[in-house]
N, C-alpha and C. Protein backbone atom coordinates (compact mmCIF):
# COMPACT_ATOMS: atom_id res chain seq x y z
N MET A 1 22.00 -3.38 -2.65
CA MET A 1 20.77 -2.94 -2.03
C MET A 1 19.63 -3.15 -3.02
N ILE A 2 18.47 -3.50 -2.47
CA ILE A 2 17.29 -3.70 -3.29
C ILE A 2 16.27 -2.63 -2.95
N TYR A 3 15.68 -2.04 -3.97
CA TYR A 3 14.73 -0.95 -3.80
C TYR A 3 13.42 -1.25 -4.55
N HIS A 4 12.32 -0.83 -3.96
CA HIS A 4 11.03 -0.84 -4.64
C HIS A 4 10.84 0.58 -5.17
N VAL A 5 10.81 0.73 -6.49
CA VAL A 5 10.72 2.03 -7.13
C VAL A 5 9.35 2.14 -7.78
N LYS A 6 8.59 3.13 -7.34
CA LYS A 6 7.23 3.29 -7.85
C LYS A 6 7.13 4.58 -8.66
N ILE A 7 6.64 4.44 -9.88
CA ILE A 7 6.38 5.57 -10.76
C ILE A 7 4.93 5.43 -11.20
N GLY A 8 4.09 6.35 -10.77
CA GLY A 8 2.66 6.22 -11.04
C GLY A 8 2.12 4.97 -10.37
N ASP A 9 1.45 4.10 -11.13
CA ASP A 9 0.90 2.86 -10.59
C ASP A 9 1.84 1.67 -10.76
N MET A 10 2.99 1.90 -11.34
CA MET A 10 3.92 0.83 -11.64
C MET A 10 5.03 0.77 -10.59
N THR A 11 5.28 -0.42 -10.03
CA THR A 11 6.37 -0.63 -9.09
C THR A 11 7.35 -1.61 -9.70
N ARG A 12 8.63 -1.24 -9.67
CA ARG A 12 9.69 -2.09 -10.22
C ARG A 12 10.68 -2.37 -9.09
N ILE A 13 11.35 -3.50 -9.17
CA ILE A 13 12.37 -3.89 -8.20
C ILE A 13 13.73 -3.62 -8.83
N VAL A 14 14.51 -2.74 -8.17
CA VAL A 14 15.84 -2.38 -8.66
C VAL A 14 16.86 -2.87 -7.64
N GLU A 15 17.81 -3.67 -8.10
CA GLU A 15 18.88 -4.14 -7.23
C GLU A 15 20.19 -3.52 -7.70
N VAL A 16 20.89 -2.86 -6.78
CA VAL A 16 22.16 -2.22 -7.09
C VAL A 16 23.25 -2.97 -6.32
N ARG A 17 24.18 -3.56 -7.08
CA ARG A 17 25.28 -4.30 -6.49
C ARG A 17 26.59 -3.77 -7.05
N ARG A 18 27.68 -4.21 -6.49
CA ARG A 18 28.99 -3.79 -6.99
C ARG A 18 29.19 -4.21 -8.44
N ASP A 19 28.66 -5.38 -8.79
CA ASP A 19 28.89 -5.91 -10.13
C ASP A 19 27.80 -5.52 -11.13
N GLY A 20 26.86 -4.68 -10.72
CA GLY A 20 25.87 -4.24 -11.69
C GLY A 20 24.50 -3.95 -11.10
N VAL A 21 23.57 -3.67 -11.99
CA VAL A 21 22.21 -3.29 -11.62
C VAL A 21 21.24 -4.22 -12.34
N THR A 22 20.18 -4.63 -11.61
CA THR A 22 19.12 -5.40 -12.26
C THR A 22 17.80 -4.67 -12.08
N LEU A 23 16.92 -4.82 -13.05
CA LEU A 23 15.57 -4.27 -13.01
C LEU A 23 14.62 -5.45 -13.13
N ASP A 24 13.86 -5.70 -12.07
CA ASP A 24 12.96 -6.87 -12.02
C ASP A 24 13.70 -8.15 -12.37
N GLY A 25 14.95 -8.26 -11.90
CA GLY A 25 15.74 -9.47 -12.11
C GLY A 25 16.52 -9.51 -13.41
N THR A 26 16.31 -8.54 -14.30
CA THR A 26 17.00 -8.51 -15.58
C THR A 26 18.22 -7.59 -15.48
N PRO A 27 19.42 -8.10 -15.78
CA PRO A 27 20.61 -7.24 -15.72
C PRO A 27 20.52 -6.07 -16.70
N LEU A 28 20.99 -4.91 -16.27
CA LEU A 28 21.02 -3.71 -17.11
C LEU A 28 22.46 -3.28 -17.35
N ASP A 29 22.71 -2.73 -18.51
CA ASP A 29 24.01 -2.14 -18.83
C ASP A 29 23.90 -0.67 -18.45
N VAL A 30 24.41 -0.30 -17.26
CA VAL A 30 24.22 1.05 -16.71
C VAL A 30 25.55 1.64 -16.29
N ASP A 31 25.70 2.94 -16.55
CA ASP A 31 26.82 3.70 -16.02
C ASP A 31 26.26 5.06 -15.61
N PHE A 32 26.63 5.52 -14.43
CA PHE A 32 26.07 6.75 -13.86
C PHE A 32 27.24 7.60 -13.41
N GLU A 33 27.39 8.78 -13.99
CA GLU A 33 28.54 9.63 -13.69
C GLU A 33 28.10 11.03 -13.29
N GLU A 34 28.83 11.62 -12.37
CA GLU A 34 28.60 12.99 -11.94
C GLU A 34 29.23 13.94 -12.96
N ILE A 35 28.53 15.02 -13.26
CA ILE A 35 29.09 16.08 -14.09
C ILE A 35 29.52 17.18 -13.14
N LEU A 36 30.81 17.42 -13.06
CA LEU A 36 31.35 18.34 -12.05
C LEU A 36 30.73 19.73 -12.13
N GLY A 37 30.35 20.24 -10.96
CA GLY A 37 29.87 21.61 -10.86
C GLY A 37 28.39 21.82 -11.11
N VAL A 38 27.66 20.79 -11.51
CA VAL A 38 26.22 20.93 -11.77
C VAL A 38 25.46 19.76 -11.12
N PRO A 39 24.17 19.97 -10.83
CA PRO A 39 23.40 18.89 -10.20
C PRO A 39 22.89 17.84 -11.20
N VAL A 40 23.41 17.88 -12.42
CA VAL A 40 22.99 16.95 -13.46
C VAL A 40 23.97 15.78 -13.50
N ARG A 41 23.44 14.59 -13.75
CA ARG A 41 24.27 13.39 -13.86
C ARG A 41 24.12 12.83 -15.27
N SER A 42 25.12 12.12 -15.70
CA SER A 42 25.08 11.45 -16.99
C SER A 42 24.74 9.99 -16.74
N LEU A 43 23.67 9.52 -17.37
CA LEU A 43 23.22 8.14 -17.23
C LEU A 43 23.37 7.45 -18.57
N LEU A 44 24.19 6.41 -18.61
CA LEU A 44 24.34 5.60 -19.80
C LEU A 44 23.56 4.32 -19.55
N LEU A 45 22.49 4.14 -20.30
CA LEU A 45 21.58 3.02 -20.09
C LEU A 45 21.35 2.30 -21.41
N GLY A 46 21.81 1.07 -21.48
CA GLY A 46 21.62 0.29 -22.70
C GLY A 46 22.26 0.92 -23.92
N GLY A 47 23.40 1.61 -23.72
CA GLY A 47 24.10 2.22 -24.83
C GLY A 47 23.62 3.62 -25.19
N ARG A 48 22.55 4.11 -24.54
CA ARG A 48 22.04 5.46 -24.81
C ARG A 48 22.39 6.37 -23.64
N SER A 49 22.80 7.59 -23.96
CA SER A 49 23.18 8.57 -22.95
C SER A 49 21.99 9.47 -22.60
N HIS A 50 21.80 9.73 -21.30
CA HIS A 50 20.73 10.60 -20.82
C HIS A 50 21.30 11.55 -19.77
N ARG A 51 20.76 12.74 -19.73
CA ARG A 51 21.09 13.68 -18.66
C ARG A 51 19.95 13.62 -17.64
N VAL A 52 20.31 13.43 -16.37
CA VAL A 52 19.33 13.22 -15.31
C VAL A 52 19.64 14.12 -14.13
N SER A 53 18.60 14.69 -13.54
CA SER A 53 18.76 15.35 -12.25
C SER A 53 17.65 14.85 -11.35
N ALA A 54 17.96 14.75 -10.07
CA ALA A 54 16.98 14.26 -9.11
C ALA A 54 17.11 15.07 -7.83
N ARG A 55 15.94 15.30 -7.23
CA ARG A 55 15.96 16.02 -5.96
C ARG A 55 14.95 15.37 -5.04
N ARG A 56 15.39 15.14 -3.81
CA ARG A 56 14.52 14.53 -2.80
C ARG A 56 13.47 15.55 -2.36
N VAL A 57 12.20 15.13 -2.37
CA VAL A 57 11.11 16.02 -1.95
C VAL A 57 10.35 15.45 -0.77
N GLY A 58 10.79 14.35 -0.22
CA GLY A 58 10.20 13.71 0.94
C GLY A 58 11.13 12.60 1.39
N SER A 59 10.75 11.88 2.43
CA SER A 59 11.64 10.84 2.94
C SER A 59 11.86 9.73 1.91
N GLU A 60 10.85 9.48 1.07
CA GLU A 60 10.98 8.44 0.05
C GLU A 60 10.64 8.95 -1.34
N GLU A 61 10.28 10.21 -1.44
CA GLU A 61 9.82 10.78 -2.71
C GLU A 61 10.95 11.57 -3.37
N TRP A 62 11.03 11.41 -4.68
CA TRP A 62 12.03 12.11 -5.49
C TRP A 62 11.35 12.75 -6.69
N GLU A 63 11.88 13.87 -7.11
CA GLU A 63 11.47 14.51 -8.35
C GLU A 63 12.63 14.32 -9.31
N VAL A 64 12.38 13.59 -10.39
CA VAL A 64 13.43 13.25 -11.35
C VAL A 64 13.14 13.96 -12.67
N HIS A 65 14.17 14.60 -13.22
CA HIS A 65 14.07 15.24 -14.53
C HIS A 65 14.91 14.41 -15.50
N LEU A 66 14.23 13.89 -16.53
CA LEU A 66 14.87 13.02 -17.50
C LEU A 66 14.26 13.27 -18.86
N GLY A 67 15.07 13.60 -19.83
CA GLY A 67 14.59 13.82 -21.19
C GLY A 67 13.55 14.91 -21.29
N GLY A 68 13.71 15.97 -20.51
CA GLY A 68 12.77 17.09 -20.56
C GLY A 68 11.47 16.84 -19.82
N ARG A 69 11.35 15.71 -19.16
CA ARG A 69 10.13 15.39 -18.41
C ARG A 69 10.44 15.34 -16.92
N ARG A 70 9.45 15.76 -16.14
CA ARG A 70 9.57 15.65 -14.69
C ARG A 70 8.71 14.47 -14.24
N VAL A 71 9.31 13.59 -13.44
CA VAL A 71 8.64 12.39 -12.99
C VAL A 71 8.74 12.30 -11.47
N SER A 72 7.61 12.02 -10.81
CA SER A 72 7.63 11.78 -9.36
C SER A 72 7.89 10.30 -9.14
N VAL A 73 8.87 10.01 -8.28
CA VAL A 73 9.30 8.63 -8.04
C VAL A 73 9.34 8.38 -6.54
N SER A 74 8.82 7.24 -6.13
CA SER A 74 8.91 6.81 -4.74
C SER A 74 9.92 5.68 -4.67
N VAL A 75 10.89 5.79 -3.75
CA VAL A 75 11.93 4.77 -3.61
C VAL A 75 11.93 4.28 -2.17
N VAL A 76 11.66 2.98 -2.00
CA VAL A 76 11.62 2.37 -0.67
C VAL A 76 12.58 1.20 -0.64
N GLU A 77 13.47 1.18 0.34
CA GLU A 77 14.42 0.10 0.49
C GLU A 77 13.64 -1.18 0.79
N ALA A 78 14.06 -2.30 0.24
CA ALA A 78 13.32 -3.56 0.33
C ALA A 78 13.05 -3.99 1.76
N ARG A 79 13.98 -3.78 2.67
CA ARG A 79 13.79 -4.18 4.07
C ARG A 79 12.64 -3.38 4.68
N THR A 80 12.58 -2.10 4.39
CA THR A 80 11.49 -1.25 4.89
C THR A 80 10.16 -1.71 4.30
N GLN A 81 10.15 -2.03 3.01
CA GLN A 81 8.94 -2.50 2.36
C GLN A 81 8.45 -3.80 3.00
N ALA A 82 9.37 -4.71 3.30
CA ALA A 82 8.99 -5.99 3.91
C ALA A 82 8.39 -5.76 5.29
N ILE A 83 8.97 -4.85 6.05
CA ILE A 83 8.43 -4.55 7.38
C ILE A 83 7.03 -3.97 7.25
N ARG A 84 6.85 -3.07 6.31
CA ARG A 84 5.52 -2.49 6.11
C ARG A 84 4.49 -3.56 5.75
N GLU A 85 4.88 -4.46 4.90
CA GLU A 85 3.96 -5.51 4.48
C GLU A 85 3.59 -6.43 5.63
N THR A 86 4.51 -6.65 6.57
CA THR A 86 4.18 -7.51 7.70
C THR A 86 3.39 -6.78 8.77
N THR A 87 3.50 -5.46 8.83
CA THR A 87 2.77 -4.72 9.86
C THR A 87 1.39 -4.30 9.40
N VAL A 88 1.13 -4.33 8.09
CA VAL A 88 -0.19 -3.98 7.59
C VAL A 88 -1.03 -5.25 7.62
N ALA A 89 -1.90 -5.35 8.59
CA ALA A 89 -2.75 -6.54 8.72
C ALA A 89 -4.08 -6.29 8.04
N LYS A 90 -4.83 -7.35 7.85
CA LYS A 90 -6.15 -7.23 7.23
C LYS A 90 -7.07 -6.46 8.16
N SER A 91 -7.78 -5.50 7.60
CA SER A 91 -8.72 -4.74 8.44
C SER A 91 -10.02 -5.52 8.53
N GLY A 92 -10.64 -5.45 9.67
CA GLY A 92 -11.88 -6.14 9.91
C GLY A 92 -12.85 -5.23 10.61
N PRO A 93 -14.03 -5.70 10.87
CA PRO A 93 -15.03 -4.86 11.49
C PRO A 93 -14.71 -4.48 12.93
N SER A 94 -13.74 -5.17 13.56
CA SER A 94 -13.44 -4.88 14.95
C SER A 94 -12.56 -3.65 15.12
N GLY A 95 -12.05 -3.08 14.04
CA GLY A 95 -11.22 -1.89 14.16
C GLY A 95 -9.78 -2.20 13.84
N PRO A 96 -8.88 -1.29 14.18
CA PRO A 96 -7.48 -1.45 13.81
C PRO A 96 -6.82 -2.59 14.58
N ASN A 97 -5.91 -3.27 13.92
CA ASN A 97 -5.15 -4.34 14.56
C ASN A 97 -4.06 -3.72 15.43
N PRO A 98 -3.56 -4.48 16.39
CA PRO A 98 -2.47 -3.96 17.22
C PRO A 98 -1.19 -3.78 16.40
N ILE A 99 -0.29 -2.97 16.91
CA ILE A 99 1.04 -2.81 16.32
C ILE A 99 1.88 -3.95 16.87
N VAL A 100 2.45 -4.76 15.97
CA VAL A 100 3.18 -5.97 16.35
C VAL A 100 4.60 -5.87 15.80
N ALA A 101 5.57 -6.36 16.56
CA ALA A 101 6.96 -6.37 16.10
C ALA A 101 7.09 -7.29 14.90
N PRO A 102 7.54 -6.77 13.74
CA PRO A 102 7.67 -7.60 12.55
C PRO A 102 8.89 -8.50 12.57
N MET A 103 9.83 -8.22 13.49
CA MET A 103 11.05 -9.00 13.62
C MET A 103 11.66 -8.67 14.98
N PRO A 104 12.62 -9.46 15.45
CA PRO A 104 13.27 -9.12 16.71
C PRO A 104 13.99 -7.78 16.58
N GLY A 105 14.01 -7.02 17.66
CA GLY A 105 14.70 -5.73 17.63
C GLY A 105 14.57 -5.01 18.95
N MET A 106 14.87 -3.71 18.91
CA MET A 106 14.80 -2.88 20.11
C MET A 106 13.90 -1.68 19.85
N VAL A 107 13.10 -1.35 20.84
CA VAL A 107 12.23 -0.19 20.75
C VAL A 107 13.09 1.05 20.96
N VAL A 108 13.12 1.92 19.96
CA VAL A 108 13.91 3.16 20.05
C VAL A 108 13.05 4.28 20.62
N ARG A 109 11.79 4.35 20.15
CA ARG A 109 10.93 5.45 20.59
C ARG A 109 9.46 5.03 20.45
N VAL A 110 8.66 5.48 21.42
CA VAL A 110 7.21 5.30 21.35
C VAL A 110 6.63 6.69 21.13
N ASP A 111 5.96 6.89 19.99
CA ASP A 111 5.49 8.22 19.60
C ASP A 111 4.06 8.52 20.02
N VAL A 112 3.45 7.66 20.82
CA VAL A 112 2.07 7.86 21.26
C VAL A 112 1.96 7.58 22.76
N ALA A 113 0.84 7.99 23.32
CA ALA A 113 0.53 7.70 24.72
C ALA A 113 -0.85 7.07 24.78
N GLU A 114 -1.12 6.34 25.83
CA GLU A 114 -2.44 5.74 25.99
C GLU A 114 -3.49 6.84 25.95
N GLY A 115 -4.55 6.60 25.19
CA GLY A 115 -5.62 7.58 25.03
C GLY A 115 -5.47 8.45 23.80
N ASP A 116 -4.30 8.45 23.17
CA ASP A 116 -4.10 9.24 21.95
C ASP A 116 -4.94 8.69 20.81
N ILE A 117 -5.40 9.58 19.95
CA ILE A 117 -6.07 9.18 18.72
C ILE A 117 -5.02 9.16 17.62
N VAL A 118 -4.95 8.05 16.88
CA VAL A 118 -3.99 7.94 15.77
C VAL A 118 -4.75 7.83 14.47
N GLU A 119 -4.13 8.33 13.42
CA GLU A 119 -4.70 8.26 12.07
C GLU A 119 -4.04 7.12 11.31
N ALA A 120 -4.70 6.64 10.29
CA ALA A 120 -4.11 5.61 9.43
C ALA A 120 -2.80 6.11 8.85
N GLY A 121 -1.76 5.31 8.95
CA GLY A 121 -0.45 5.68 8.44
C GLY A 121 0.41 6.46 9.41
N GLN A 122 -0.13 6.84 10.56
CA GLN A 122 0.63 7.62 11.54
C GLN A 122 1.66 6.73 12.22
N GLY A 123 2.86 7.27 12.43
CA GLY A 123 3.91 6.55 13.13
C GLY A 123 3.54 6.35 14.59
N VAL A 124 3.77 5.14 15.08
CA VAL A 124 3.42 4.81 16.46
C VAL A 124 4.67 4.43 17.26
N VAL A 125 5.52 3.59 16.66
CA VAL A 125 6.72 3.09 17.34
C VAL A 125 7.88 3.11 16.35
N ILE A 126 9.06 3.51 16.83
CA ILE A 126 10.29 3.39 16.05
C ILE A 126 11.05 2.22 16.64
N MET A 127 11.39 1.27 15.78
CA MET A 127 12.05 0.06 16.23
C MET A 127 13.34 -0.12 15.44
N GLU A 128 14.40 -0.51 16.12
CA GLU A 128 15.67 -0.79 15.44
C GLU A 128 15.80 -2.29 15.26
N ALA A 129 16.05 -2.69 14.03
CA ALA A 129 16.27 -4.09 13.73
C ALA A 129 17.34 -4.16 12.65
N MET A 130 18.30 -5.01 12.81
CA MET A 130 19.38 -5.18 11.84
C MET A 130 20.07 -3.85 11.54
N LYS A 131 20.32 -3.06 12.58
CA LYS A 131 21.03 -1.78 12.51
C LYS A 131 20.29 -0.72 11.70
N MET A 132 18.98 -0.90 11.52
CA MET A 132 18.18 0.09 10.80
C MET A 132 16.98 0.45 11.65
N GLU A 133 16.63 1.74 11.66
CA GLU A 133 15.44 2.18 12.35
C GLU A 133 14.24 2.07 11.41
N ASN A 134 13.15 1.51 11.92
CA ASN A 134 11.94 1.31 11.13
C ASN A 134 10.76 1.90 11.88
N GLU A 135 9.94 2.65 11.16
CA GLU A 135 8.75 3.23 11.75
C GLU A 135 7.58 2.28 11.55
N LEU A 136 6.94 1.92 12.65
CA LEU A 136 5.75 1.07 12.60
C LEU A 136 4.55 2.00 12.69
N THR A 137 3.60 1.83 11.79
CA THR A 137 2.49 2.77 11.68
C THR A 137 1.14 2.10 11.95
N ALA A 138 0.17 2.93 12.29
CA ALA A 138 -1.20 2.45 12.48
C ALA A 138 -1.81 2.17 11.11
N GLU A 139 -2.50 1.06 10.99
CA GLU A 139 -3.12 0.72 9.71
C GLU A 139 -4.43 1.45 9.51
N ALA A 140 -5.06 1.86 10.61
CA ALA A 140 -6.35 2.54 10.53
C ALA A 140 -6.46 3.50 11.70
N GLN A 141 -7.42 4.39 11.61
CA GLN A 141 -7.66 5.33 12.70
C GLN A 141 -8.10 4.56 13.95
N GLY A 142 -7.66 5.02 15.12
CA GLY A 142 -8.05 4.36 16.36
C GLY A 142 -7.55 5.11 17.57
N ILE A 143 -7.81 4.53 18.72
CA ILE A 143 -7.38 5.09 20.00
C ILE A 143 -6.36 4.13 20.61
N VAL A 144 -5.25 4.67 21.10
CA VAL A 144 -4.24 3.85 21.76
C VAL A 144 -4.82 3.40 23.10
N SER A 145 -5.06 2.09 23.23
CA SER A 145 -5.67 1.59 24.46
C SER A 145 -4.65 1.05 25.44
N LYS A 146 -3.52 0.51 24.95
CA LYS A 146 -2.51 -0.05 25.85
C LYS A 146 -1.17 -0.06 25.15
N ILE A 147 -0.13 0.41 25.86
CA ILE A 147 1.25 0.34 25.38
C ILE A 147 1.94 -0.74 26.20
N HIS A 148 2.45 -1.76 25.51
CA HIS A 148 3.04 -2.91 26.18
C HIS A 148 4.56 -2.85 26.30
N ILE A 149 5.18 -1.80 25.76
CA ILE A 149 6.64 -1.73 25.71
C ILE A 149 7.11 -0.36 26.17
N GLU A 150 8.41 -0.25 26.34
CA GLU A 150 9.00 1.06 26.65
C GLU A 150 10.29 1.21 25.87
N GLU A 151 10.74 2.44 25.74
CA GLU A 151 11.96 2.72 24.98
C GLU A 151 13.14 1.95 25.56
N GLY A 152 13.95 1.40 24.67
CA GLY A 152 15.12 0.64 25.08
C GLY A 152 14.86 -0.83 25.30
N GLN A 153 13.61 -1.25 25.22
CA GLN A 153 13.25 -2.64 25.47
C GLN A 153 13.49 -3.50 24.23
N ALA A 154 14.09 -4.67 24.42
CA ALA A 154 14.26 -5.64 23.34
C ALA A 154 12.96 -6.42 23.20
N VAL A 155 12.57 -6.67 21.95
CA VAL A 155 11.32 -7.41 21.70
C VAL A 155 11.56 -8.50 20.68
N GLU A 156 10.76 -9.53 20.75
CA GLU A 156 10.81 -10.64 19.80
C GLU A 156 9.79 -10.43 18.69
N LYS A 157 9.98 -11.08 17.59
CA LYS A 157 9.03 -11.03 16.48
C LYS A 157 7.67 -11.48 16.97
N GLY A 158 6.63 -10.73 16.58
CA GLY A 158 5.26 -11.09 16.93
C GLY A 158 4.77 -10.51 18.23
N LYS A 159 5.65 -9.86 19.01
CA LYS A 159 5.22 -9.27 20.28
C LYS A 159 4.29 -8.10 19.99
N VAL A 160 3.17 -8.06 20.71
CA VAL A 160 2.25 -6.93 20.60
C VAL A 160 2.90 -5.75 21.31
N LEU A 161 3.07 -4.65 20.58
CA LEU A 161 3.71 -3.46 21.12
C LEU A 161 2.67 -2.46 21.63
N VAL A 162 1.64 -2.21 20.80
CA VAL A 162 0.62 -1.21 21.13
C VAL A 162 -0.74 -1.75 20.69
N ASP A 163 -1.72 -1.69 21.59
CA ASP A 163 -3.09 -2.06 21.24
C ASP A 163 -3.86 -0.82 20.83
N LEU A 164 -4.68 -0.96 19.79
CA LEU A 164 -5.52 0.13 19.31
C LEU A 164 -6.97 -0.33 19.32
N LEU A 165 -7.88 0.58 19.67
CA LEU A 165 -9.31 0.33 19.62
C LEU A 165 -9.92 1.16 18.52
N ALA A 166 -11.03 0.67 17.98
CA ALA A 166 -11.75 1.43 16.96
C ALA A 166 -12.23 2.74 17.56
N LEU A 167 -12.17 3.77 16.76
CA LEU A 167 -12.60 5.09 17.18
C LEU A 167 -14.05 5.29 16.75
N ASP A 168 -14.94 5.45 17.71
CA ASP A 168 -16.34 5.70 17.40
C ASP A 168 -16.51 7.21 17.28
N LEU A 169 -16.53 7.70 16.04
CA LEU A 169 -16.58 9.13 15.81
C LEU A 169 -17.81 9.79 16.42
N ALA A 170 -18.92 9.07 16.52
CA ALA A 170 -20.14 9.65 17.09
C ALA A 170 -19.93 10.01 18.54
N GLU A 171 -19.20 9.20 19.30
CA GLU A 171 -18.97 9.48 20.72
C GLU A 171 -18.08 10.70 20.92
N ASN A 172 -17.15 10.93 19.95
CA ASN A 172 -16.19 12.01 20.11
C ASN A 172 -16.65 13.30 19.41
N ASP A 173 -17.81 13.30 18.82
CA ASP A 173 -18.31 14.46 18.10
C ASP A 173 -19.15 15.32 19.04
N VAL A 174 -18.50 15.92 20.01
CA VAL A 174 -19.20 16.72 21.04
C VAL A 174 -18.95 18.18 20.82
């Protein structure tokens, strides 16, 4: 599995395979062992031993304790990252871009209705592709103007799933 691991402003690519671990393509000498009865793990990295504990604090966020320091870490599976990158389109003066299928798959759930106001980053559609569920999100605030799909429908890559219109805050400030 390949993961995008973000610590602060730095993102590293970690690949975990049966035969080893790589960091940004460089093989690492790693061993990770459970210490029975405690939430601490023993990490042997490059010949040095470390005690590590980690706890999930969000769907992709982890709090890691290593060497007496607490570090916030974001871990995103590479497939999810690729989908996000394909669904985040360039913003322009016309408002938010439509939600488009990043790959062939099936619509699992539509989380909005026509006329709903969505915020940037809000989940709009859950789509299953390659046996994984992926949340497609709005890139910018807008109004759902048209839903082109329904739950259980198979879709091809590039199909427009949901149209969004720019939200004119002045009109809605009543």
